């Protein structure tokens, strides 16, 4: 889990967290607990933040790529506002 400066906790699996050198060094050091909460420092470096966001976006994409549209809607709490006719028409346009 990662904890931001605002106190919010983000659950991230270990493989994803290992994308950060700082976190990787902590994990590979002594005393790592799977339930550990790592503080995310306030970072002024746009490059570091971009790398972290790119990594998180890729991780999210990997997790949802095999989900159905309905599963993705459920995951993100998105209400389906399309009529059955619109869904059918869209389904015919996209193989």
PDB file of N, CA and C in Angstrom:
ATOM      1  N   UNK A   1       0.841  -1.168   0.000  1.00  0.00           N
ATOM      2  CA  UNK A   1       0.000   0.000   0.000  1.00  0.00           C
ATOM      3  C   UNK A   1       0.891   1.237   0.000  1.00  0.00           C
ATOM      4  N   UNK A   2       0.438   2.266  -0.710  1.00  0.00           N
ATOM      5  CA  UNK A   2       1.158   3.532  -0.750  1.00  0.00           C
ATOM      6  C   UNK A   2       0.294   4.593  -0.087  1.00  0.00           C
ATOM      7  N   UNK A   3       0.917   5.451   0.698  1.00  0.00           N
ATOM      8  CA  UNK A   3       0.178   6.498   1.400  1.00  0.00           C
ATOM      9  C   UNK A   3       0.664   7.851   0.917  1.00  0.00           C
ATOM     10  N   UNK A   4      -0.246   8.655   0.373  1.00  0.00           N
ATOM     11  CA  UNK A   4       0.099   9.971  -0.134  1.00  0.00           C
ATOM     12  C   UNK A   4       0.218  10.999   0.976  1.00  0.00           C
ATOM     13  N   UNK A   5       0.729  12.175   0.622  1.00  0.00           N
ATOM     14  CA  UNK A   5       0.891  13.248   1.599  1.00  0.00           C
ATOM     15  C   UNK A   5      -0.449  13.688   2.171  1.00  0.00           C
ATOM     16  N   UNK A   6      -1.537  13.463   1.418  1.00  0.00           N
ATOM     17  CA  UNK A   6      -2.872  13.840   1.888  1.00  0.00           C
ATOM     18  C   UNK A   6      -3.469  12.795   2.825  1.00  0.00           C
ATOM     19  N   UNK A   7      -2.721  11.709   3.083  1.00  0.00           N
ATOM     20  CA  UNK A   7      -3.186  10.673   3.995  1.00  0.00           C
ATOM     21  C   UNK A   7      -3.964   9.556   3.329  1.00  0.00           C
ATOM     22  N   UNK A   8      -4.274   9.698   2.045  1.00  0.00           N
ATOM     23  CA  UNK A   8      -5.021   8.657   1.342  1.00  0.00           C
ATOM     24  C   UNK A   8      -4.108   7.468   1.064  1.00  0.00           C
ATOM     25  N   UNK A   9      -4.662   6.278   1.201  1.00  0.00           N
ATOM     26  CA  UNK A   9      -3.901   5.049   0.990  1.00  0.00           C
ATOM     27  C   UNK A   9      -4.342   4.416  -0.319  1.00  0.00           C
ATOM     28  N   UNK A  10      -3.373   4.054  -1.153  1.00  0.00           N
ATOM     29  CA  UNK A  10      -3.620   3.421  -2.443  1.00  0.00           C
ATOM     30  C   UNK A  10      -3.071   2.010  -2.373  1.00  0.00           C
ATOM     31  N   UNK A  11      -3.917   1.019  -2.649  1.00  0.00           N
ATOM     32  CA  UNK A  11      -3.462  -0.369  -2.616  1.00  0.00           C
ATOM     33  C   UNK A  11      -2.821  -0.706  -3.958  1.00  0.00           C
ATOM     34  N   UNK A  12      -1.579  -1.133  -3.917  1.00  0.00           N
ATOM     35  CA  UNK A  12      -0.809  -1.466  -5.115  1.00  0.00           C
ATOM     36  C   UNK A  12      -0.128  -2.797  -4.855  1.00  0.00           C
ATOM     37  N   UNK A  13      -0.162  -3.701  -5.859  1.00  0.00           N
ATOM     38  CA  UNK A  13       0.501  -4.980  -5.614  1.00  0.00           C
ATOM     39  C   UNK A  13       2.022  -4.792  -5.624  1.00  0.00           C
ATOM     40  N   UNK A  14       2.727  -5.766  -5.072  1.00  0.00           N
ATOM     41  CA  UNK A  14       4.171  -5.642  -4.884  1.00  0.00           C
ATOM     42  C   UNK A  14       4.892  -5.453  -6.208  1.00  0.00           C
ATOM     43  N   UNK A  15       4.477  -6.164  -7.246  1.00  0.00           N
ATOM     44  CA  UNK A  15       5.146  -6.042  -8.546  1.00  0.00           C
ATOM     45  C   UNK A  15       5.050  -4.615  -9.071  1.00  0.00           C
ATOM     46  N   UNK A  16       3.880  -4.008  -8.907  1.00  0.00           N
ATOM     47  CA  UNK A  16       3.701  -2.631  -9.353  1.00  0.00           C
ATOM     48  C   UNK A  16       4.569  -1.684  -8.530  1.00  0.00           C
ATOM     49  N   UNK A  17       4.600  -1.891  -7.230  1.00  0.00           N
ATOM     50  CA  UNK A  17       5.389  -1.022  -6.352  1.00  0.00           C
ATOM     51  C   UNK A  17       6.876  -1.118  -6.667  1.00  0.00           C
ATOM     52  N   UNK A  18       7.320  -2.279  -7.132  1.00  0.00           N
ATOM     53  CA  UNK A  18       8.737  -2.477  -7.436  1.00  0.00           C
ATOM     54  C   UNK A  18       9.192  -1.604  -8.603  1.00  0.00           C
ATOM     55  N   UNK A  19       8.257  -0.981  -9.309  1.00  0.00           N
ATOM     56  CA  UNK A  19       8.614  -0.058 -10.382  1.00  0.00           C
ATOM     57  C   UNK A  19       9.268   1.210  -9.856  1.00  0.00           C
ATOM     58  N   UNK A  20       9.122   1.484  -8.576  1.00  0.00           N
ATOM     59  CA  UNK A  20       9.749   2.643  -7.943  1.00  0.00           C
ATOM     60  C   UNK A  20      11.044   2.197  -7.274  1.00  0.00           C
ATOM     61  N   UNK A  21      12.153   2.847  -7.627  1.00  0.00           N
ATOM     62  CA  UNK A  21      13.441   2.478  -7.032  1.00  0.00           C
ATOM     63  C   UNK A  21      13.420   2.665  -5.520  1.00  0.00           C
ATOM     64  N   UNK A  22      12.817   3.746  -5.053  1.00  0.00           N
ATOM     65  CA  UNK A  22      12.768   4.010  -3.608  1.00  0.00           C
ATOM     66  C   UNK A  22      12.027   2.892  -2.893  1.00  0.00           C
ATOM     67  N   UNK A  23      10.863   2.531  -3.420  1.00  0.00           N
ATOM     68  CA  UNK A  23      10.066   1.477  -2.790  1.00  0.00           C
ATOM     69  C   UNK A  23      10.763   0.129  -2.931  1.00  0.00           C
ATOM     70  N   UNK A  24      11.353  -0.119  -4.102  1.00  0.00           N
ATOM     71  CA  UNK A  24      12.060  -1.384  -4.317  1.00  0.00           C
ATOM     72  C   UNK A  24      13.187  -1.547  -3.301  1.00  0.00           C
ATOM     73  N   UNK A  25      13.941  -0.464  -3.071  1.00  0.00           N
ATOM     74  CA  UNK A  25      15.031  -0.524  -2.090  1.00  0.00           C
ATOM     75  C   UNK A  25      14.492  -0.842  -0.700  1.00  0.00           C
ATOM     76  N   UNK A  26      13.344  -0.248  -0.338  1.00  0.00           N
ATOM     77  CA  UNK A  26      12.738  -0.541   0.968  1.00  0.00           C
ATOM     78  C   UNK A  26      12.280  -1.993   1.050  1.00  0.00           C
ATOM     79  N   UNK A  27      11.655  -2.482  -0.015  1.00  0.00           N
ATOM     80  CA  UNK A  27      11.142  -3.850  -0.027  1.00  0.00           C
ATOM     81  C   UNK A  27      12.287  -4.853   0.087  1.00  0.00           C
ATOM     82  N   UNK A  28      13.378  -4.585  -0.632  1.00  0.00           N
ATOM     83  CA  UNK A  28      14.502  -5.512  -0.627  1.00  0.00           C
ATOM     84  C   UNK A  28      15.352  -5.395   0.635  1.00  0.00           C
ATOM     85  N   UNK A  29      15.122  -4.360   1.440  1.00  0.00           N
ATOM     86  CA  UNK A  29      15.844  -4.192   2.703  1.00  0.00           C
ATOM     87  C   UNK A  29      15.252  -5.090   3.771  1.00  0.00           C
ATOM     88  N   UNK A  30      15.781  -4.999   4.961  1.00  0.00           N
ATOM     89  CA  UNK A  30      15.304  -5.813   6.082  1.00  0.00           C
ATOM     90  C   UNK A  30      13.972  -5.290   6.597  1.00  0.00           C
ATOM     91  N   UNK A  31      13.175  -6.198   7.118  1.00  0.00           N
ATOM     92  CA  UNK A  31      11.967  -5.808   7.830  1.00  0.00           C
ATOM     93  C   UNK A  31      10.775  -5.473   6.963  1.00  0.00           C
ATOM     94  N   UNK A  32      10.754  -5.894   5.712  1.00  0.00           N
ATOM     95  CA  UNK A  32       9.604  -5.603   4.856  1.00  0.00           C
ATOM     96  C   UNK A  32       8.412  -6.459   5.255  1.00  0.00           C
ATOM     97  N   UNK A  33       7.286  -5.825   5.357  1.00  0.00           N
ATOM     98  CA  UNK A  33       6.033  -6.523   5.635  1.00  0.00           C
ATOM     99  C   UNK A  33       5.118  -6.335   4.441  1.00  0.00           C
ATOM    100  N   UNK A  34       4.428  -7.395   4.029  1.00  0.00           N
ATOM    101  CA  UNK A  34       3.511  -7.301   2.896  1.00  0.00           C
ATOM    102  C   UNK A  34       2.411  -6.287   3.143  1.00  0.00           C
ATOM    103  N   UNK A  35       2.117  -6.017   4.394  1.00  0.00           N
ATOM    104  CA  UNK A  35       1.070  -5.063   4.740  1.00  0.00           C
ATOM    105  C   UNK A  35       1.626  -3.672   5.025  1.00  0.00           C
ATOM    106  N   UNK A  36       2.882  -3.461   4.698  1.00  0.00           N
ATOM    107  CA  UNK A  36       3.510  -2.169   4.980  1.00  0.00           C
ATOM    108  C   UNK A  36       2.844  -1.060   4.168  1.00  0.00           C
ATOM    109  N   UNK A  37       2.811   0.126   4.748  1.00  0.00           N
ATOM    110  CA  UNK A  37       2.304   1.314   4.060  1.00  0.00           C
ATOM    111  C   UNK A  37       3.498   2.226   3.830  1.00  0.00           C
ATOM    112  N   UNK A  38       3.772   2.544   2.562  1.00  0.00           N
ATOM    113  CA  UNK A  38       4.901   3.392   2.219  1.00  0.00           C
ATOM    114  C   UNK A  38       4.411   4.807   1.948  1.00  0.00           C
ATOM    115  N   UNK A  39       5.025   5.803   2.594  1.00  0.00           N
ATOM    116  CA  UNK A  39       4.624   7.180   2.296  1.00  0.00           C
ATOM    117  C   UNK A  39       5.122   7.583   0.917  1.00  0.00           C
ATOM    118  N   UNK A  40       4.266   8.261   0.158  1.00  0.00           N
ATOM    119  CA  UNK A  40       4.678   8.804  -1.136  1.00  0.00           C
ATOM    120  C   UNK A  40       5.118  10.238  -0.868  1.00  0.00           C
ATOM    121  N   UNK A  41       6.385  10.544  -1.053  1.00  0.00           N
ATOM    122  CA  UNK A  41       6.847  11.902  -0.754  1.00  0.00           C
ATOM    123  C   UNK A  41       6.245  12.907  -1.725  1.00  0.00           C
ATOM    124  N   UNK A  42       6.157  14.145  -1.263  1.00  0.00           N
ATOM    125  CA  UNK A  42       5.723  15.190  -2.172  1.00  0.00           C
ATOM    126  C   UNK A  42       6.856  15.379  -3.170  1.00  0.00           C
ATOM    127  N   UNK A  43       6.546  15.180  -4.431  1.00  0.00           N
ATOM    128  CA  UNK A  43       7.577  15.187  -5.456  1.00  0.00           C
ATOM    129  C   UNK A  43       7.389  16.397  -6.351  1.00  0.00           C
ATOM    130  N   UNK A  44       8.455  17.163  -6.526  1.00  0.00           N
ATOM    131  CA  UNK A  44       8.405  18.322  -7.406  1.00  0.00           C
ATOM    132  C   UNK A  44       8.860  17.969  -8.809  1.00  0.00           C
ATOM    133  N   UNK A  45       9.409  16.796  -8.981  1.00  0.00           N
ATOM    134  CA  UNK A  45       9.934  16.394 -10.279  1.00  0.00           C
ATOM    135  C   UNK A  45       8.809  15.879 -11.167  1.00  0.00           C
ATOM    136  N   UNK A  46       8.513  16.620 -12.234  1.00  0.00           N
ATOM    137  CA  UNK A  46       7.478  16.189 -13.175  1.00  0.00           C
ATOM    138  C   UNK A  46       7.860  14.883 -13.847  1.00  0.00           C
ATOM    139  N   UNK A  47       9.142  14.673 -14.047  1.00  0.00           N
ATOM    140  CA  UNK A  47       9.592  13.444 -14.705  1.00  0.00           C
ATOM    141  C   UNK A  47       9.281  12.235 -13.832  1.00  0.00           C
ATOM    142  N   UNK A  48       9.590  12.316 -12.541  1.00  0.00           N
ATOM    143  CA  UNK A  48       9.315  11.202 -11.638  1.00  0.00           C
ATOM    144  C   UNK A  48       7.817  10.935 -11.564  1.00  0.00           C
ATOM    145  N   UNK A  49       7.022  11.989 -11.442  1.00  0.00           N
ATOM    146  CA  UNK A  49       5.571  11.820 -11.376  1.00  0.00           C
ATOM    147  C   UNK A  49       5.048  11.218 -12.676  1.00  0.00           C
ATOM    148  N   UNK A  50       5.583  11.673 -13.822  1.00  0.00           N
ATOM    149  CA  UNK A  50       5.147  11.129 -15.108  1.00  0.00           C
ATOM    150  C   UNK A  50       5.461   9.642 -15.179  1.00  0.00           C
ATOM    151  N   UNK A  51       6.652   9.254 -14.743  1.00  0.00           N
ATOM    152  CA  UNK A  51       7.022   7.834 -14.750  1.00  0.00           C
ATOM    153  C   UNK A  51       6.090   7.020 -13.865  1.00  0.00           C
ATOM    154  N   UNK A  52       5.777   7.537 -12.682  1.00  0.00           N
ATOM    155  CA  UNK A  52       4.887   6.835 -11.771  1.00  0.00           C
ATOM    156  C   UNK A  52       3.495   6.712 -12.379  1.00  0.00           C
ATOM    157  N   UNK A  53       2.988   7.810 -12.946  1.00  0.00           N
ATOM    158  CA  UNK A  53       1.661   7.763 -13.569  1.00  0.00           C
ATOM    159  C   UNK A  53       1.646   6.818 -14.764  1.00  0.00           C
ATOM    160  N   UNK A  54       2.679   6.879 -15.609  1.00  0.00           N
ATOM    161  CA  UNK A  54       2.752   5.962 -16.752  1.00  0.00           C
ATOM    162  C   UNK A  54       2.703   4.517 -16.281  1.00  0.00           C
ATOM    163  N   UNK A  55       3.448   4.220 -15.230  1.00  0.00           N
ATOM    164  CA  UNK A  55       3.482   2.865 -14.695  1.00  0.00           C
ATOM    165  C   UNK A  55       2.111   2.450 -14.169  1.00  0.00           C
ATOM    166  N   UNK A  56       1.465   3.341 -13.411  1.00  0.00           N
ATOM    167  CA  UNK A  56       0.147   3.027 -12.856  1.00  0.00           C
ATOM    168  C   UNK A  56      -0.900   2.866 -13.953  1.00  0.00           C
ATOM    169  N   UNK A  57      -0.851   3.729 -14.983  1.00  0.00           N
ATOM    170  CA  UNK A  57      -1.795   3.601 -16.098  1.00  0.00           C
ATOM    171  C   UNK A  57      -1.607   2.269 -16.816  1.00  0.00           C
ATOM    172  N   UNK A  58      -0.354   1.865 -17.024  1.00  0.00           N
ATOM    173  CA  UNK A  58      -0.087   0.586 -17.686  1.00  0.00           C
ATOM    174  C   UNK A  58      -0.605  -0.564 -16.838  1.00  0.00           C
ATOM    175  N   UNK A  59      -0.372  -0.492 -15.526  1.00  0.00           N
ATOM    176  CA  UNK A  59      -0.853  -1.534 -14.618  1.00  0.00           C
ATOM    177  C   UNK A  59      -2.374  -1.632 -14.678  1.00  0.00           C
ATOM    178  N   UNK A  60      -3.047  -0.486 -14.662  1.00  0.00           N
ATOM    179  CA  UNK A  60      -4.508  -0.471 -14.744  1.00  0.00           C
ATOM    180  C   UNK A  60      -4.971  -1.044 -16.077  1.00  0.00           C
ATOM    181  N   UNK A  61      -4.323  -0.637 -17.161  1.00  0.00           N
ATOM    182  CA  UNK A  61      -4.673  -1.160 -18.478  1.00  0.00           C
ATOM    183  C   UNK A  61      -4.514  -2.669 -18.556  1.00  0.00           C
ATOM    184  N   UNK A  62      -3.426  -3.173 -17.984  1.00  0.00           N
ATOM    185  CA  UNK A  62      -3.194  -4.618 -17.977  1.00  0.00           C
ATOM    186  C   UNK A  62      -4.289  -5.351 -17.207  1.00  0.00           C
ATOM    187  N   UNK A  63      -4.750  -4.736 -16.127  1.00  0.00           N
ATOM    188  CA  UNK A  63      -5.765  -5.394 -15.292  1.00  0.00           C
ATOM    189  C   UNK A  63      -7.146  -5.421 -15.949  1.00  0.00           C
ATOM    190  N   UNK A  64      -7.468  -4.406 -16.759  1.00  0.00           N
ATOM    191  CA  UNK A  64      -8.816  -4.347 -17.326  1.00  0.00           C
ATOM    192  C   UNK A  64      -8.894  -4.844 -18.765  1.00  0.00           C
ATOM    193  N   UNK A  65      -7.766  -5.168 -19.384  1.00  0.00           N
ATOM    194  CA  UNK A  65      -7.777  -5.491 -20.805  1.00  0.00           C
ATOM    195  C   UNK A  65      -8.635  -6.707 -21.158  1.00  0.00           C
ATOM    196  N   UNK A  66      -8.763  -7.650 -20.269  1.00  0.00           N
ATOM    197  CA  UNK A  66      -9.558  -8.842 -20.563  1.00  0.00           C
ATOM    198  C   UNK A  66     -10.949  -8.791 -19.948  1.00  0.00           C
ATOM    199  N   UNK A  67     -11.315  -7.639 -19.399  1.00  0.00           N
ATOM    200  CA  UNK A  67     -12.645  -7.497 -18.800  1.00  0.00           C
ATOM    201  C   UNK A  67     -13.672  -7.130 -19.869  1.00  0.00           C
ATOM    202  N   UNK A  68     -14.902  -7.525 -19.619  1.00  0.00           N
ATOM    203  CA  UNK A  68     -15.994  -7.108 -20.503  1.00  0.00           C
ATOM    204  C   UNK A  68     -16.321  -5.648 -20.214  1.00  0.00           C
ATOM    205  N   UNK A  69     -17.075  -5.042 -21.122  1.00  0.00           N
ATOM    206  CA  UNK A  69     -17.503  -3.657 -20.923  1.00  0.00           C
ATOM    207  C   UNK A  69     -18.267  -3.537 -19.608  1.00  0.00           C
ATOM    208  N   UNK A  70     -19.128  -4.500 -19.341  1.00  0.00           N
ATOM    209  CA  UNK A  70     -19.931  -4.473 -18.116  1.00  0.00           C
ATOM    210  C   UNK A  70     -19.044  -4.564 -16.865  1.00  0.00           C
ATOM    211  N   UNK A  71     -18.007  -5.398 -16.913  1.00  0.00           N
ATOM    212  CA  UNK A  71     -17.096  -5.520 -15.769  1.00  0.00           C
ATOM    213  C   UNK A  71     -16.344  -4.213 -15.516  1.00  0.00           C
ATOM    214  N   UNK A  72     -15.923  -3.550 -16.593  1.00  0.00           N
ATOM    215  CA  UNK A  72     -15.221  -2.274 -16.445  1.00  0.00           C
ATOM    216  C   UNK A  72     -16.168  -1.220 -15.881  1.00  0.00           C
ATOM    217  N   UNK A  73     -17.407  -1.204 -16.368  1.00  0.00           N
ATOM    218  CA  UNK A  73     -18.398  -0.260 -15.827  1.00  0.00           C
ATOM    219  C   UNK A  73     -18.598  -0.495 -14.332  1.00  0.00           C
ATOM    220  N   UNK A  74     -18.709  -1.756 -13.935  1.00  0.00           N
ATOM    221  CA  UNK A  74     -18.893  -2.081 -12.517  1.00  0.00           C
ATOM    222  C   UNK A  74     -17.682  -1.641 -11.691  1.00  0.00           C
ATOM    223  N   UNK A  75     -16.481  -1.905 -12.209  1.00  0.00           N
ATOM    224  CA  UNK A  75     -15.254  -1.555 -11.502  1.00  0.00           C
ATOM    225  C   UNK A  75     -15.176  -0.060 -11.216  1.00  0.00           C
ATOM    226  N   UNK A  76     -15.536   0.751 -12.216  1.00  0.00           N
ATOM    227  CA  UNK A  76     -15.413   2.200 -12.079  1.00  0.00           C
ATOM    228  C   UNK A  76     -16.718   2.890 -11.691  1.00  0.00           C
ATOM    229  N   UNK A  77     -17.777   2.105 -11.494  1.00  0.00           N
ATOM    230  CA  UNK A  77     -19.053   2.695 -11.101  1.00  0.00           C
ATOM    231  C   UNK A  77     -19.670   3.547 -12.194  1.00  0.00           C
ATOM    232  N   UNK A  78     -19.521   3.116 -13.447  1.00  0.00           N
ATOM    233  CA  UNK A  78     -20.052   3.863 -14.587  1.00  0.00           C
ATOM    234  C   UNK A  78     -21.425   3.320 -14.939  1.00  0.00           C
ATOM    235  N   UNK A  79     -22.398   4.217 -14.996  1.00  0.00           N
ATOM    236  CA  UNK A  79     -23.758   3.822 -15.339  1.00  0.00           C
ATOM    237  C   UNK A  79     -23.893   3.748 -16.859  1.00  0.00           C
ATOM    238  N   UNK A  80     -24.515   2.683 -17.342  1.00  0.00           N
ATOM    239  CA  UNK A  80     -24.742   2.530 -18.772  1.00  0.00           C
ATOM    240  C   UNK A  80     -25.926   3.401 -19.168  1.00  0.00           C
ATOM    241  N   UNK A  81     -25.662   4.439 -19.965  1.00  0.00           N
ATOM    242  CA  UNK A  81     -26.731   5.336 -20.386  1.00  0.00           C
ATOM    243  C   UNK A  81     -27.135   5.113 -21.847  1.00  0.00           C
ATOM    244  N   UNK A  82     -26.670   4.007 -22.426  1.00  0.00           N
ATOM    245  CA  UNK A  82     -27.021   3.694 -23.814  1.00  0.00           C
ATOM    246  C   UNK A  82     -28.280   2.835 -23.850  1.00  0.00           C
ATOM    247  N   UNK A  83     -29.086   3.072 -24.880  1.00  0.00           N
ATOM    248  CA  UNK A  83     -30.262   2.232 -25.079  1.00  0.00           C
ATOM    249  C   UNK A  83     -29.801   0.909 -25.673  1.00  0.00           C
ATOM    250  N   UNK A  84     -30.612  -0.136 -25.568  1.00  0.00           N
ATOM    251  CA  UNK A  84     -30.241  -1.411 -26.198  1.00  0.00           C
ATOM    252  C   UNK A  84     -29.992  -1.256 -27.701  1.00  0.00           C
ATOM    253  N   UNK A  85     -30.748  -0.369 -28.339  1.00  0.00           N
ATOM    254  CA  UNK A  85     -30.561  -0.141 -29.775  1.00  0.00           C
ATOM    255  C   UNK A  85     -29.194   0.484 -30.052  1.00  0.00           C
ATOM    256  N   UNK A  86     -28.797   1.450 -29.222  1.00  0.00           N
ATOM    257  CA  UNK A  86     -27.488   2.082 -29.397  1.00  0.00           C
ATOM    258  C   UNK A  86     -26.363   1.073 -29.162  1.00  0.00           C
ATOM    259  N   UNK A  87     -26.527   0.215 -28.175  1.00  0.00           N
ATOM    260  CA  UNK A  87     -25.516  -0.812 -27.908  1.00  0.00           C
ATOM    261  C   UNK A  87     -25.393  -1.772 -29.082  1.00  0.00           C
ATOM    262  N   UNK A  88     -26.535  -2.168 -29.645  1.00  0.00           N
ATOM    263  CA  UNK A  88     -26.515  -3.087 -30.780  1.00  0.00           C
ATOM    264  C   UNK A  88     -25.841  -2.430 -31.976  1.00  0.00           C
ATOM    265  N   UNK A  89     -26.176  -1.168 -32.240  1.00  0.00           N
ATOM    266  CA  UNK A  89     -25.578  -0.455 -33.367  1.00  0.00           C
ATOM    267  C   UNK A  89     -24.064  -0.336 -33.185  1.00  0.00           C
ATOM    268  N   UNK A  90     -23.636  -0.006 -31.990  1.00  0.00           N
ATOM    269  CA  UNK A  90     -22.208   0.105 -31.708  1.00  0.00           C
ATOM    270  C   UNK A  90     -21.530  -1.258 -31.844  1.00  0.00           C
ATOM    271  N   UNK A  91     -22.194  -2.302 -31.366  1.00  0.00           N
ATOM    272  CA  UNK A  91     -21.658  -3.654 -31.477  1.00  0.00           C
ATOM    273  C   UNK A  91     -21.474  -4.095 -32.919  1.00  0.00           C
ATOM    274  N   UNK A  92     -22.335  -3.610 -33.796  1.00  0.00           N
ATOM    275  CA  UNK A  92     -22.209  -3.941 -35.222  1.00  0.00           C
ATOM    276  C   UNK A  92     -21.062  -3.177 -35.870  1.00  0.00           C
ATOM    277  N   UNK A  93     -20.759  -1.991 -35.352  1.00  0.00           N
ATOM    278  CA  UNK A  93     -19.686  -1.170 -35.917  1.00  0.00           C
ATOM    279  C   UNK A  93     -18.307  -1.645 -35.466  1.00  0.00           C
ATOM    280  N   UNK A  94     -18.249  -2.202 -34.263  1.00  0.00           N
ATOM    281  CA  UNK A  94     -16.969  -2.638 -33.701  1.00  0.00           C
ATOM    282  C   UNK A  94     -16.968  -4.158 -33.603  1.00  0.00           C
ATOM    283  N   UNK A  95     -16.076  -4.803 -34.348  1.00  0.00           N
ATOM    284  CA  UNK A  95     -16.056  -6.279 -34.309  1.00  0.00           C
ATOM    285  C   UNK A  95     -15.589  -6.832 -32.987  1.00  0.00           C
TER     286      UNK A  95
END
